[in-house]
N, C-alpha and C. Protein backbone atom coordinates (compact mmCIF):
# COMPACT_ATOMS: atom_id res chain seq x y z
N MET A 1 202.94 40.64 -307.23
CA MET A 1 204.17 40.74 -306.50
C MET A 1 205.20 40.32 -307.13
N SER A 2 206.36 41.09 -307.25
CA SER A 2 207.74 40.95 -307.90
C SER A 2 208.43 39.66 -307.18
N ARG A 3 209.32 39.01 -307.94
CA ARG A 3 210.18 38.02 -307.10
C ARG A 3 211.04 38.56 -306.07
N VAL A 4 211.52 39.57 -306.24
CA VAL A 4 212.52 40.26 -305.30
C VAL A 4 211.69 40.52 -303.95
N GLY A 5 210.41 41.00 -304.18
CA GLY A 5 209.61 41.68 -303.11
C GLY A 5 209.27 40.19 -302.24
N LEU A 6 208.81 39.29 -303.09
CA LEU A 6 208.30 37.84 -302.39
C LEU A 6 209.38 37.37 -301.67
N ARG A 7 210.60 37.30 -302.16
CA ARG A 7 211.71 36.82 -301.65
C ARG A 7 212.13 37.42 -300.25
N ALA A 8 212.18 38.92 -300.25
CA ALA A 8 212.18 39.44 -299.21
C ALA A 8 211.37 39.43 -298.09
N LEU A 9 209.94 39.21 -298.42
CA LEU A 9 208.98 38.80 -297.51
C LEU A 9 209.02 37.63 -296.70
N ILE A 10 209.42 36.66 -297.52
CA ILE A 10 209.78 35.22 -297.09
C ILE A 10 210.84 35.20 -296.15
N GLY A 11 212.06 35.95 -296.53
CA GLY A 11 213.32 35.90 -295.87
C GLY A 11 212.90 36.77 -294.23
N LEU A 12 212.20 37.69 -294.38
CA LEU A 12 211.64 38.34 -292.97
C LEU A 12 210.91 37.47 -292.36
N MET A 13 210.01 36.75 -292.86
CA MET A 13 208.98 35.75 -292.13
C MET A 13 209.84 34.69 -291.47
N LEU A 14 210.73 34.08 -292.18
CA LEU A 14 211.77 33.02 -291.63
C LEU A 14 212.58 33.77 -290.73
N LEU A 15 213.11 34.84 -290.50
CA LEU A 15 213.69 35.53 -289.59
C LEU A 15 213.08 35.71 -288.34
N VAL A 16 211.95 36.11 -288.38
CA VAL A 16 210.70 36.25 -287.40
C VAL A 16 210.64 35.12 -286.54
N LEU A 17 210.36 33.93 -287.46
CA LEU A 17 210.08 32.41 -286.82
C LEU A 17 211.47 32.13 -286.03
N ALA A 18 212.53 32.22 -286.61
CA ALA A 18 213.93 31.95 -286.03
C ALA A 18 214.01 32.58 -284.73
N GLY A 19 213.75 34.01 -284.88
CA GLY A 19 213.87 34.65 -283.37
C GLY A 19 212.81 34.35 -282.38
N GLY A 20 211.77 33.83 -282.83
CA GLY A 20 210.69 33.39 -281.75
C GLY A 20 211.11 32.16 -281.28
N ALA A 21 212.02 31.14 -281.94
CA ALA A 21 212.66 30.25 -281.25
C ALA A 21 213.52 30.39 -280.26
N ALA A 22 214.52 31.52 -280.69
CA ALA A 22 215.49 31.92 -279.76
C ALA A 22 215.00 32.92 -278.70
N GLN A 23 213.92 33.24 -278.63
CA GLN A 23 213.43 34.37 -277.67
C GLN A 23 213.52 33.84 -276.16
N ALA A 24 213.43 32.34 -275.83
CA ALA A 24 213.66 32.17 -274.65
C ALA A 24 214.97 32.21 -274.20
N GLN A 25 215.94 32.13 -275.10
CA GLN A 25 217.55 32.32 -274.45
C GLN A 25 217.91 33.73 -274.49
N VAL A 26 217.62 34.45 -275.65
CA VAL A 26 218.12 35.84 -275.57
C VAL A 26 217.03 36.77 -276.16
N ASN A 27 216.85 37.94 -275.61
CA ASN A 27 215.98 38.77 -275.88
C ASN A 27 216.75 39.97 -276.84
N TRP A 28 216.88 39.48 -277.99
CA TRP A 28 217.60 40.25 -279.11
C TRP A 28 216.44 40.74 -280.05
N LEU A 29 215.49 40.26 -280.03
CA LEU A 29 214.32 40.62 -280.87
C LEU A 29 213.25 41.08 -280.12
N PRO A 30 213.02 42.25 -279.45
CA PRO A 30 211.87 42.38 -278.59
C PRO A 30 210.73 42.92 -279.21
N GLU A 31 210.62 43.39 -280.54
CA GLU A 31 209.49 44.05 -281.06
C GLU A 31 209.48 43.62 -282.57
N MET A 32 208.25 43.48 -283.00
CA MET A 32 207.97 43.09 -284.61
C MET A 32 206.75 44.00 -284.69
N ARG A 33 206.77 44.49 -285.99
CA ARG A 33 205.64 45.43 -286.57
C ARG A 33 205.17 44.97 -287.85
N ALA A 34 204.05 45.12 -288.02
CA ALA A 34 203.53 44.73 -289.64
C ALA A 34 202.18 45.79 -289.72
N GLY A 35 202.04 46.04 -290.98
CA GLY A 35 200.78 46.68 -291.33
C GLY A 35 200.86 47.07 -292.69
N LEU A 36 199.83 48.01 -293.12
CA LEU A 36 199.71 48.56 -294.55
C LEU A 36 200.34 49.90 -294.72
N VAL A 37 200.64 50.21 -296.18
CA VAL A 37 201.24 51.33 -296.42
C VAL A 37 200.52 51.97 -297.70
N THR A 38 200.35 53.19 -297.36
CA THR A 38 199.62 54.16 -298.58
C THR A 38 200.93 54.87 -298.98
N GLN A 39 200.72 55.25 -300.51
CA GLN A 39 201.53 55.93 -301.27
C GLN A 39 201.21 57.03 -302.08
N GLY A 40 201.91 57.92 -302.32
CA GLY A 40 201.65 59.02 -303.34
C GLY A 40 200.70 60.16 -303.00
N ASP A 41 199.96 60.65 -303.84
CA ASP A 41 199.02 61.88 -303.78
C ASP A 41 198.11 61.65 -302.60
N GLY A 42 197.43 60.41 -302.76
CA GLY A 42 196.24 60.07 -301.89
C GLY A 42 196.75 59.20 -300.43
N LEU A 43 197.53 60.05 -299.62
CA LEU A 43 198.19 59.47 -298.42
C LEU A 43 197.32 58.92 -297.61
N LEU A 44 196.17 59.49 -297.45
CA LEU A 44 194.94 59.08 -296.34
C LEU A 44 194.03 58.49 -297.25
N ASP A 45 193.87 58.09 -298.37
CA ASP A 45 192.87 57.63 -299.20
C ASP A 45 193.25 55.99 -299.08
N PRO A 46 192.31 55.15 -298.26
CA PRO A 46 192.45 53.70 -298.55
C PRO A 46 192.42 53.07 -299.78
N GLY A 47 192.04 53.70 -300.76
CA GLY A 47 192.42 53.11 -302.15
C GLY A 47 193.79 53.10 -302.72
N SER A 48 194.54 54.12 -301.87
CA SER A 48 195.85 54.20 -302.34
C SER A 48 196.74 53.13 -301.51
N ILE A 49 196.31 52.01 -300.80
CA ILE A 49 197.08 51.08 -299.98
C ILE A 49 197.56 50.28 -301.32
N ARG A 50 198.95 50.22 -301.25
CA ARG A 50 199.83 49.37 -302.08
C ARG A 50 200.69 48.49 -301.56
N ASP A 51 200.92 48.61 -300.50
CA ASP A 51 202.23 47.60 -299.89
C ASP A 51 201.85 47.22 -298.39
N ALA A 52 202.72 46.32 -298.19
CA ALA A 52 202.61 45.69 -296.80
C ALA A 52 203.90 45.94 -296.19
N ASN A 53 203.99 46.08 -294.90
CA ASN A 53 205.40 46.46 -294.24
C ASN A 53 205.51 45.56 -292.96
N VAL A 54 206.78 45.11 -292.90
CA VAL A 54 207.15 44.31 -291.71
C VAL A 54 208.47 45.04 -291.39
N GLU A 55 208.51 45.10 -290.12
CA GLU A 55 209.74 45.82 -289.33
C GLU A 55 210.08 44.99 -288.26
N LEU A 56 211.48 44.69 -288.03
CA LEU A 56 211.84 44.15 -286.83
C LEU A 56 212.74 45.05 -286.05
N LEU A 57 212.63 45.24 -284.57
CA LEU A 57 213.60 46.09 -283.74
C LEU A 57 214.32 45.17 -282.85
N PHE A 58 215.63 45.58 -283.11
CA PHE A 58 216.40 44.68 -282.14
C PHE A 58 217.00 45.43 -280.95
N VAL A 59 217.70 44.76 -279.95
CA VAL A 59 218.28 45.27 -278.87
C VAL A 59 219.97 45.07 -278.85
N VAL A 60 220.61 46.32 -278.61
CA VAL A 60 221.89 46.26 -278.63
C VAL A 60 222.17 46.97 -277.23
N PRO A 61 222.42 46.19 -276.06
CA PRO A 61 222.53 46.81 -274.72
C PRO A 61 223.45 48.08 -274.80
N ASP A 62 224.54 47.94 -275.19
CA ASP A 62 225.38 49.07 -275.30
C ASP A 62 225.05 50.23 -275.84
N LEU A 63 224.21 50.13 -276.73
CA LEU A 63 223.53 51.22 -277.67
C LEU A 63 222.79 52.20 -276.81
N ASN A 64 222.11 51.61 -275.87
CA ASN A 64 221.24 52.57 -274.98
C ASN A 64 221.98 53.37 -273.92
N ALA A 65 223.43 53.16 -273.76
CA ALA A 65 224.05 53.94 -273.02
C ALA A 65 224.28 55.32 -273.63
N TRP A 66 224.00 55.55 -274.91
CA TRP A 66 224.11 56.69 -275.58
C TRP A 66 222.92 57.50 -275.71
N ALA A 67 221.72 56.85 -275.33
CA ALA A 67 220.43 57.51 -275.06
C ALA A 67 220.22 58.01 -273.79
N VAL A 68 220.20 59.38 -273.62
CA VAL A 68 219.82 60.16 -272.52
C VAL A 68 218.33 59.76 -272.30
N LEU A 69 217.66 59.87 -273.15
CA LEU A 69 216.18 59.63 -272.83
C LEU A 69 215.60 58.67 -274.01
N GLY A 70 214.92 57.77 -273.51
CA GLY A 70 214.45 56.84 -274.49
C GLY A 70 215.25 55.73 -274.79
N GLU A 71 214.87 54.96 -275.91
CA GLU A 71 215.73 53.65 -276.29
C GLU A 71 216.13 53.65 -277.67
N LEU A 72 217.42 53.53 -277.89
CA LEU A 72 217.88 53.49 -279.40
C LEU A 72 217.81 51.84 -279.73
N ARG A 73 217.24 51.48 -280.85
CA ARG A 73 217.36 50.41 -281.55
C ARG A 73 217.48 50.06 -282.95
N PRO A 74 218.53 49.39 -283.31
CA PRO A 74 218.62 49.14 -284.76
C PRO A 74 217.23 48.44 -285.31
N HIS A 75 216.93 48.78 -286.46
CA HIS A 75 215.83 48.02 -287.14
C HIS A 75 216.10 47.62 -288.65
N LEU A 76 215.23 46.61 -288.95
CA LEU A 76 215.44 46.00 -290.28
C LEU A 76 214.07 45.82 -290.76
N GLY A 77 213.59 46.33 -291.96
CA GLY A 77 212.17 46.10 -292.42
C GLY A 77 212.30 46.00 -293.96
N ALA A 78 210.96 45.78 -294.45
CA ALA A 78 210.54 45.76 -295.80
C ALA A 78 209.21 46.29 -296.11
N SER A 79 209.05 46.92 -297.10
CA SER A 79 207.74 47.11 -297.78
C SER A 79 207.57 46.25 -299.03
N VAL A 80 206.59 45.36 -299.13
CA VAL A 80 206.52 44.67 -300.49
C VAL A 80 205.13 45.07 -301.13
N SER A 81 205.31 45.46 -302.32
CA SER A 81 204.20 45.81 -303.21
C SER A 81 203.26 44.82 -303.56
N PHE A 82 202.03 45.12 -303.37
CA PHE A 82 200.89 44.15 -304.04
C PHE A 82 200.72 44.06 -305.37
N ASP A 83 201.05 45.35 -306.07
CA ASP A 83 200.78 45.22 -307.51
C ASP A 83 202.09 45.00 -308.36
N GLY A 84 203.20 44.57 -307.77
CA GLY A 84 204.44 44.51 -308.46
C GLY A 84 205.21 45.52 -308.80
N SER A 85 204.94 46.69 -308.14
CA SER A 85 205.85 47.72 -308.52
C SER A 85 206.96 47.71 -307.43
N LYS A 86 207.45 48.90 -307.20
CA LYS A 86 208.80 49.09 -306.52
C LYS A 86 208.53 48.44 -304.77
N SER A 87 209.44 47.41 -304.44
CA SER A 87 209.39 47.16 -303.06
C SER A 87 210.84 47.64 -302.45
N ASP A 88 210.87 47.69 -300.99
CA ASP A 88 211.76 48.32 -300.43
C ASP A 88 212.41 47.43 -299.28
N ILE A 89 213.63 47.50 -299.17
CA ILE A 89 214.38 46.76 -297.73
C ILE A 89 214.95 47.86 -297.06
N TYR A 90 214.83 47.95 -295.95
CA TYR A 90 215.78 49.32 -295.28
C TYR A 90 216.24 48.71 -293.89
N ALA A 91 217.02 49.53 -293.39
CA ALA A 91 217.73 49.23 -292.09
C ALA A 91 218.23 50.63 -291.52
N GLY A 92 218.28 50.58 -290.26
CA GLY A 92 218.82 51.69 -289.52
C GLY A 92 218.78 51.61 -288.21
N LEU A 93 218.56 53.00 -287.62
CA LEU A 93 218.49 53.15 -286.11
C LEU A 93 217.08 53.90 -285.75
N SER A 94 216.48 53.38 -284.62
CA SER A 94 215.26 54.12 -284.27
C SER A 94 215.31 54.55 -282.76
N TRP A 95 214.83 55.83 -282.43
CA TRP A 95 214.89 56.39 -281.25
C TRP A 95 213.52 56.38 -280.75
N THR A 96 213.16 55.66 -279.66
CA THR A 96 211.79 55.63 -279.21
C THR A 96 211.85 56.20 -277.80
N VAL A 97 210.91 57.24 -277.67
CA VAL A 97 210.76 57.89 -276.25
C VAL A 97 209.26 57.59 -275.77
N GLN A 98 209.19 57.20 -274.68
CA GLN A 98 207.72 57.00 -273.96
C GLN A 98 207.25 58.15 -273.35
N VAL A 99 206.02 58.48 -273.50
CA VAL A 99 205.49 59.95 -272.96
C VAL A 99 205.37 59.50 -271.49
N PRO A 100 205.81 60.26 -270.57
CA PRO A 100 205.51 60.08 -269.28
C PRO A 100 204.13 59.76 -268.86
N VAL A 101 203.61 58.76 -267.98
CA VAL A 101 202.33 58.61 -267.39
C VAL A 101 201.30 58.05 -268.43
N LEU A 102 201.52 58.34 -269.51
CA LEU A 102 200.52 57.83 -270.79
C LEU A 102 200.98 56.85 -271.53
N PRO A 103 200.03 55.89 -272.12
CA PRO A 103 200.61 54.79 -272.96
C PRO A 103 200.81 55.11 -274.29
N VAL A 104 201.62 56.29 -274.55
CA VAL A 104 201.91 56.86 -275.92
C VAL A 104 203.33 56.84 -275.92
N PHE A 105 203.98 56.76 -277.14
CA PHE A 105 205.22 56.81 -277.59
C PHE A 105 205.41 57.43 -278.81
N VAL A 106 206.54 58.07 -278.99
CA VAL A 106 206.99 58.65 -280.40
C VAL A 106 208.28 58.29 -280.62
N GLU A 107 208.61 58.33 -281.96
CA GLU A 107 209.70 57.60 -282.44
C GLU A 107 210.21 58.23 -283.78
N ALA A 108 211.53 58.33 -283.79
CA ALA A 108 212.27 58.85 -284.96
C ALA A 108 213.24 57.91 -285.46
N SER A 109 213.26 57.73 -286.77
CA SER A 109 214.00 56.64 -287.41
C SER A 109 214.89 57.19 -288.64
N ALA A 110 216.02 56.81 -288.85
CA ALA A 110 216.90 57.06 -289.93
C ALA A 110 217.57 55.98 -290.33
N GLY A 111 217.98 55.84 -291.85
CA GLY A 111 218.67 54.78 -292.22
C GLY A 111 218.83 54.61 -293.73
N ALA A 112 219.08 53.61 -294.24
CA ALA A 112 219.37 53.41 -295.65
C ALA A 112 218.10 52.52 -296.17
N VAL A 113 217.74 52.92 -297.37
CA VAL A 113 216.81 51.98 -298.23
C VAL A 113 217.43 51.41 -299.47
N LEU A 114 217.20 50.20 -299.77
CA LEU A 114 217.37 49.56 -301.23
C LEU A 114 216.06 49.25 -301.79
N THR A 115 215.94 49.70 -303.05
CA THR A 115 214.73 49.51 -303.65
C THR A 115 214.95 48.38 -304.65
N SER A 116 213.93 47.55 -305.05
CA SER A 116 213.76 46.48 -306.09
C SER A 116 214.12 47.12 -307.43
N ALA A 117 213.83 48.33 -307.55
CA ALA A 117 214.00 48.69 -308.85
C ALA A 117 215.48 48.67 -309.43
N LEU A 118 216.37 48.42 -308.53
CA LEU A 118 217.74 48.22 -308.97
C LEU A 118 217.85 46.89 -309.89
N VAL A 119 216.90 46.09 -309.68
CA VAL A 119 217.10 44.62 -310.57
C VAL A 119 215.84 44.51 -311.44
N ASN A 120 214.77 45.19 -311.18
CA ASN A 120 213.38 44.78 -311.94
C ASN A 120 212.92 46.00 -312.79
N ALA A 121 213.60 47.15 -312.81
CA ALA A 121 213.20 48.27 -313.64
C ALA A 121 213.46 47.93 -315.05
N PRO A 122 212.72 48.47 -315.98
CA PRO A 122 213.21 48.15 -317.34
C PRO A 122 214.53 48.63 -317.87
N ASN A 123 215.11 47.96 -318.83
CA ASN A 123 216.48 48.34 -319.18
C ASN A 123 216.41 49.88 -319.62
N GLY A 124 217.48 50.60 -319.13
CA GLY A 124 217.51 51.97 -319.73
C GLY A 124 217.05 52.85 -318.66
N ASP A 125 216.22 52.37 -317.81
CA ASP A 125 215.40 53.19 -316.83
C ASP A 125 216.47 53.77 -315.77
N ALA A 126 216.40 55.13 -315.31
CA ALA A 126 217.40 55.33 -314.46
C ALA A 126 217.27 54.85 -313.12
N SER A 127 216.24 54.05 -312.80
CA SER A 127 216.09 53.32 -311.33
C SER A 127 217.23 52.30 -311.41
N ARG A 128 217.71 51.81 -312.48
CA ARG A 128 218.89 50.70 -312.23
C ARG A 128 220.08 51.35 -311.71
N ASN A 129 220.14 52.58 -311.90
CA ASN A 129 221.51 53.30 -311.54
C ASN A 129 221.57 52.81 -309.75
N PHE A 130 222.94 52.68 -309.35
CA PHE A 130 223.02 52.36 -307.97
C PHE A 130 222.48 53.56 -307.15
N GLY A 131 222.93 54.79 -307.72
CA GLY A 131 222.63 56.02 -307.04
C GLY A 131 221.02 56.36 -306.77
N CYS A 132 220.06 55.45 -307.76
CA CYS A 132 218.81 55.61 -307.64
C CYS A 132 218.10 54.64 -306.74
N GLY A 133 218.63 53.46 -306.68
CA GLY A 133 217.94 52.16 -306.10
C GLY A 133 218.43 52.22 -304.63
N VAL A 134 219.31 53.25 -304.23
CA VAL A 134 219.73 53.09 -302.84
C VAL A 134 219.59 54.61 -302.27
N GLY A 135 218.91 54.77 -301.20
CA GLY A 135 218.62 55.96 -300.77
C GLY A 135 218.75 56.10 -299.22
N LEU A 136 218.06 57.15 -298.66
CA LEU A 136 217.96 57.59 -297.32
C LEU A 136 216.63 57.21 -296.85
N ARG A 137 216.32 56.73 -295.71
CA ARG A 137 214.98 56.62 -295.20
C ARG A 137 214.85 57.39 -293.87
N LEU A 138 213.96 58.32 -293.83
CA LEU A 138 213.69 59.08 -292.70
C LEU A 138 212.07 58.85 -292.07
N ALA A 139 211.79 58.54 -290.86
CA ALA A 139 210.66 58.09 -290.40
C ALA A 139 210.29 58.87 -289.30
N GLY A 140 209.02 59.06 -288.87
CA GLY A 140 208.48 59.66 -287.81
C GLY A 140 207.32 58.81 -287.35
N SER A 141 207.26 58.15 -286.11
CA SER A 141 206.01 57.39 -285.71
C SER A 141 205.42 57.91 -284.39
N ALA A 142 204.20 57.56 -284.19
CA ALA A 142 203.42 57.82 -282.84
C ALA A 142 202.81 56.60 -282.67
N GLY A 143 202.82 56.21 -281.37
CA GLY A 143 201.94 54.95 -281.10
C GLY A 143 201.32 55.11 -279.65
N LEU A 144 200.38 53.98 -279.66
CA LEU A 144 199.59 53.96 -278.56
C LEU A 144 199.72 52.53 -277.88
N GLN A 145 200.23 52.34 -276.91
CA GLN A 145 200.48 50.83 -276.42
C GLN A 145 199.07 50.35 -276.08
N LEU A 146 198.86 49.06 -276.30
CA LEU A 146 197.64 48.35 -275.92
C LEU A 146 198.04 47.31 -274.97
N PRO A 147 196.90 46.61 -274.41
CA PRO A 147 197.14 45.52 -273.59
C PRO A 147 197.89 44.28 -274.30
N ALA A 148 198.44 43.48 -273.43
CA ALA A 148 199.25 42.16 -273.82
C ALA A 148 200.50 42.38 -274.72
N GLY A 149 201.01 43.59 -274.46
CA GLY A 149 202.48 44.04 -275.44
C GLY A 149 202.09 44.56 -276.73
N PHE A 150 200.98 44.72 -277.24
CA PHE A 150 200.53 45.09 -278.47
C PHE A 150 200.52 46.49 -278.63
N SER A 151 200.67 47.31 -279.60
CA SER A 151 200.65 48.59 -280.02
C SER A 151 200.13 49.00 -281.36
N LEU A 152 199.57 50.08 -281.51
CA LEU A 152 198.85 50.65 -282.67
C LEU A 152 200.05 51.78 -282.95
N ILE A 153 200.42 51.88 -284.17
CA ILE A 153 201.55 52.71 -284.62
C ILE A 153 201.21 53.44 -286.09
N GLY A 154 201.21 54.75 -285.95
CA GLY A 154 200.98 55.49 -287.24
C GLY A 154 202.35 56.04 -287.57
N THR A 155 202.74 55.94 -288.72
CA THR A 155 204.09 56.24 -289.28
C THR A 155 204.12 57.08 -290.55
N LEU A 156 204.67 58.23 -290.78
CA LEU A 156 205.08 58.93 -291.98
C LEU A 156 206.39 58.77 -292.32
N GLU A 157 206.64 58.35 -293.51
CA GLU A 157 208.10 57.76 -294.05
C GLU A 157 208.43 58.65 -295.27
N HIS A 158 209.56 59.06 -295.17
CA HIS A 158 210.21 59.87 -296.45
C HIS A 158 211.30 59.16 -297.03
N LEU A 159 211.32 58.95 -298.34
CA LEU A 159 212.53 58.29 -298.94
C LEU A 159 213.26 59.15 -299.98
N PRO A 160 213.85 60.12 -299.70
CA PRO A 160 214.66 61.03 -300.62
C PRO A 160 215.77 60.66 -301.36
N ASP A 161 215.92 60.92 -302.53
CA ASP A 161 217.06 60.50 -303.60
C ASP A 161 218.05 61.53 -303.72
N PHE A 162 217.82 62.72 -303.16
CA PHE A 162 218.48 63.89 -303.43
C PHE A 162 218.81 64.35 -304.75
N GLY A 163 217.96 63.88 -305.73
CA GLY A 163 218.43 64.21 -307.01
C GLY A 163 219.29 63.30 -307.83
N ALA A 164 219.52 62.33 -307.30
CA ALA A 164 220.53 61.20 -307.90
C ALA A 164 220.01 60.51 -309.09
N CYS A 165 218.60 60.61 -309.39
CA CYS A 165 218.23 60.08 -310.55
C CYS A 165 217.95 61.17 -311.70
N ASP A 166 218.49 62.19 -311.51
CA ASP A 166 218.24 63.38 -312.52
C ASP A 166 216.81 63.85 -312.48
N ASP A 167 216.00 63.47 -311.34
CA ASP A 167 214.66 64.09 -311.36
C ASP A 167 214.30 64.39 -309.92
N PRO A 168 214.04 65.67 -309.54
CA PRO A 168 213.85 65.83 -308.12
C PRO A 168 212.60 65.57 -307.67
N ASN A 169 211.57 64.88 -308.45
CA ASN A 169 210.37 64.48 -308.03
C ASN A 169 210.24 63.04 -307.75
N ARG A 170 211.35 62.31 -307.61
CA ARG A 170 211.36 60.80 -307.47
C ARG A 170 211.42 60.38 -306.05
N ALA A 171 211.39 61.51 -305.04
CA ALA A 171 211.48 61.18 -303.67
C ALA A 171 209.90 60.59 -303.23
N ALA A 172 209.66 59.79 -302.44
CA ALA A 172 208.67 58.95 -302.09
C ALA A 172 208.23 59.49 -300.51
N THR A 173 207.04 59.63 -300.30
CA THR A 173 206.35 59.92 -299.08
C THR A 173 205.22 58.81 -298.60
N ASN A 174 205.21 58.29 -297.81
CA ASN A 174 204.31 56.99 -297.44
C ASN A 174 203.76 57.34 -295.91
N VAL A 175 202.74 56.62 -295.76
CA VAL A 175 201.95 56.67 -294.42
C VAL A 175 201.59 55.26 -294.09
N MET A 176 202.01 54.84 -292.97
CA MET A 176 201.79 53.53 -292.55
C MET A 176 200.86 53.45 -291.25
N VAL A 177 199.99 52.32 -291.30
CA VAL A 177 199.31 52.00 -290.01
C VAL A 177 199.63 50.60 -289.87
N ARG A 178 200.34 50.58 -288.70
CA ARG A 178 200.92 49.33 -288.12
C ARG A 178 200.45 48.78 -286.79
N VAL A 179 200.57 47.41 -286.59
CA VAL A 179 200.38 46.97 -285.26
C VAL A 179 201.59 46.20 -284.84
N GLY A 180 201.99 46.58 -283.64
CA GLY A 180 203.29 46.08 -283.16
C GLY A 180 203.16 45.16 -281.95
N HIS A 181 204.16 44.18 -281.68
CA HIS A 181 204.11 43.33 -280.45
C HIS A 181 205.39 43.44 -279.89
N ARG A 182 205.52 43.56 -278.60
CA ARG A 182 206.92 43.58 -277.87
C ARG A 182 206.63 42.00 -277.30
N PHE A 183 207.75 41.41 -277.28
CA PHE A 183 207.86 39.99 -276.90
C PHE A 183 208.22 39.96 -275.34
């Protein structure tokens, strides 16, 4: 695991612990998610699991006034590589809609992503360019609510770079299976 990825994971874990202590006073961190990520051509192949993902969803009460249906929440997350390859830190906005009567929800997310390739790619690699290490993150999720505030979530994530690295094939598509918990 790269040093940047390890630092990001430790930072997120400390943020979660701090949030748990503050939970009694303010409900600013109502949900945390964690799981595994597959990448590349074998998205549904268990052998292509290369990352772990942690995501925190926050509440901004005035933001939900804009949502006619569902819930708008800012999110902060990280996917940390097991094999020392590229890790990501991302932030954005998630829109979650509960399906009526069923314990099912769908979610759309958009935001920005910062990859560790900005600092740990080999010298001369295009990934060290600011336009390659920073990009857009789009995600869609479907989840099943389980007892005791837990949920099982499947997520399809796409990280396009819009040709910023002079290579149109550098965009990444990942599949995640995560467990969530609402506090």
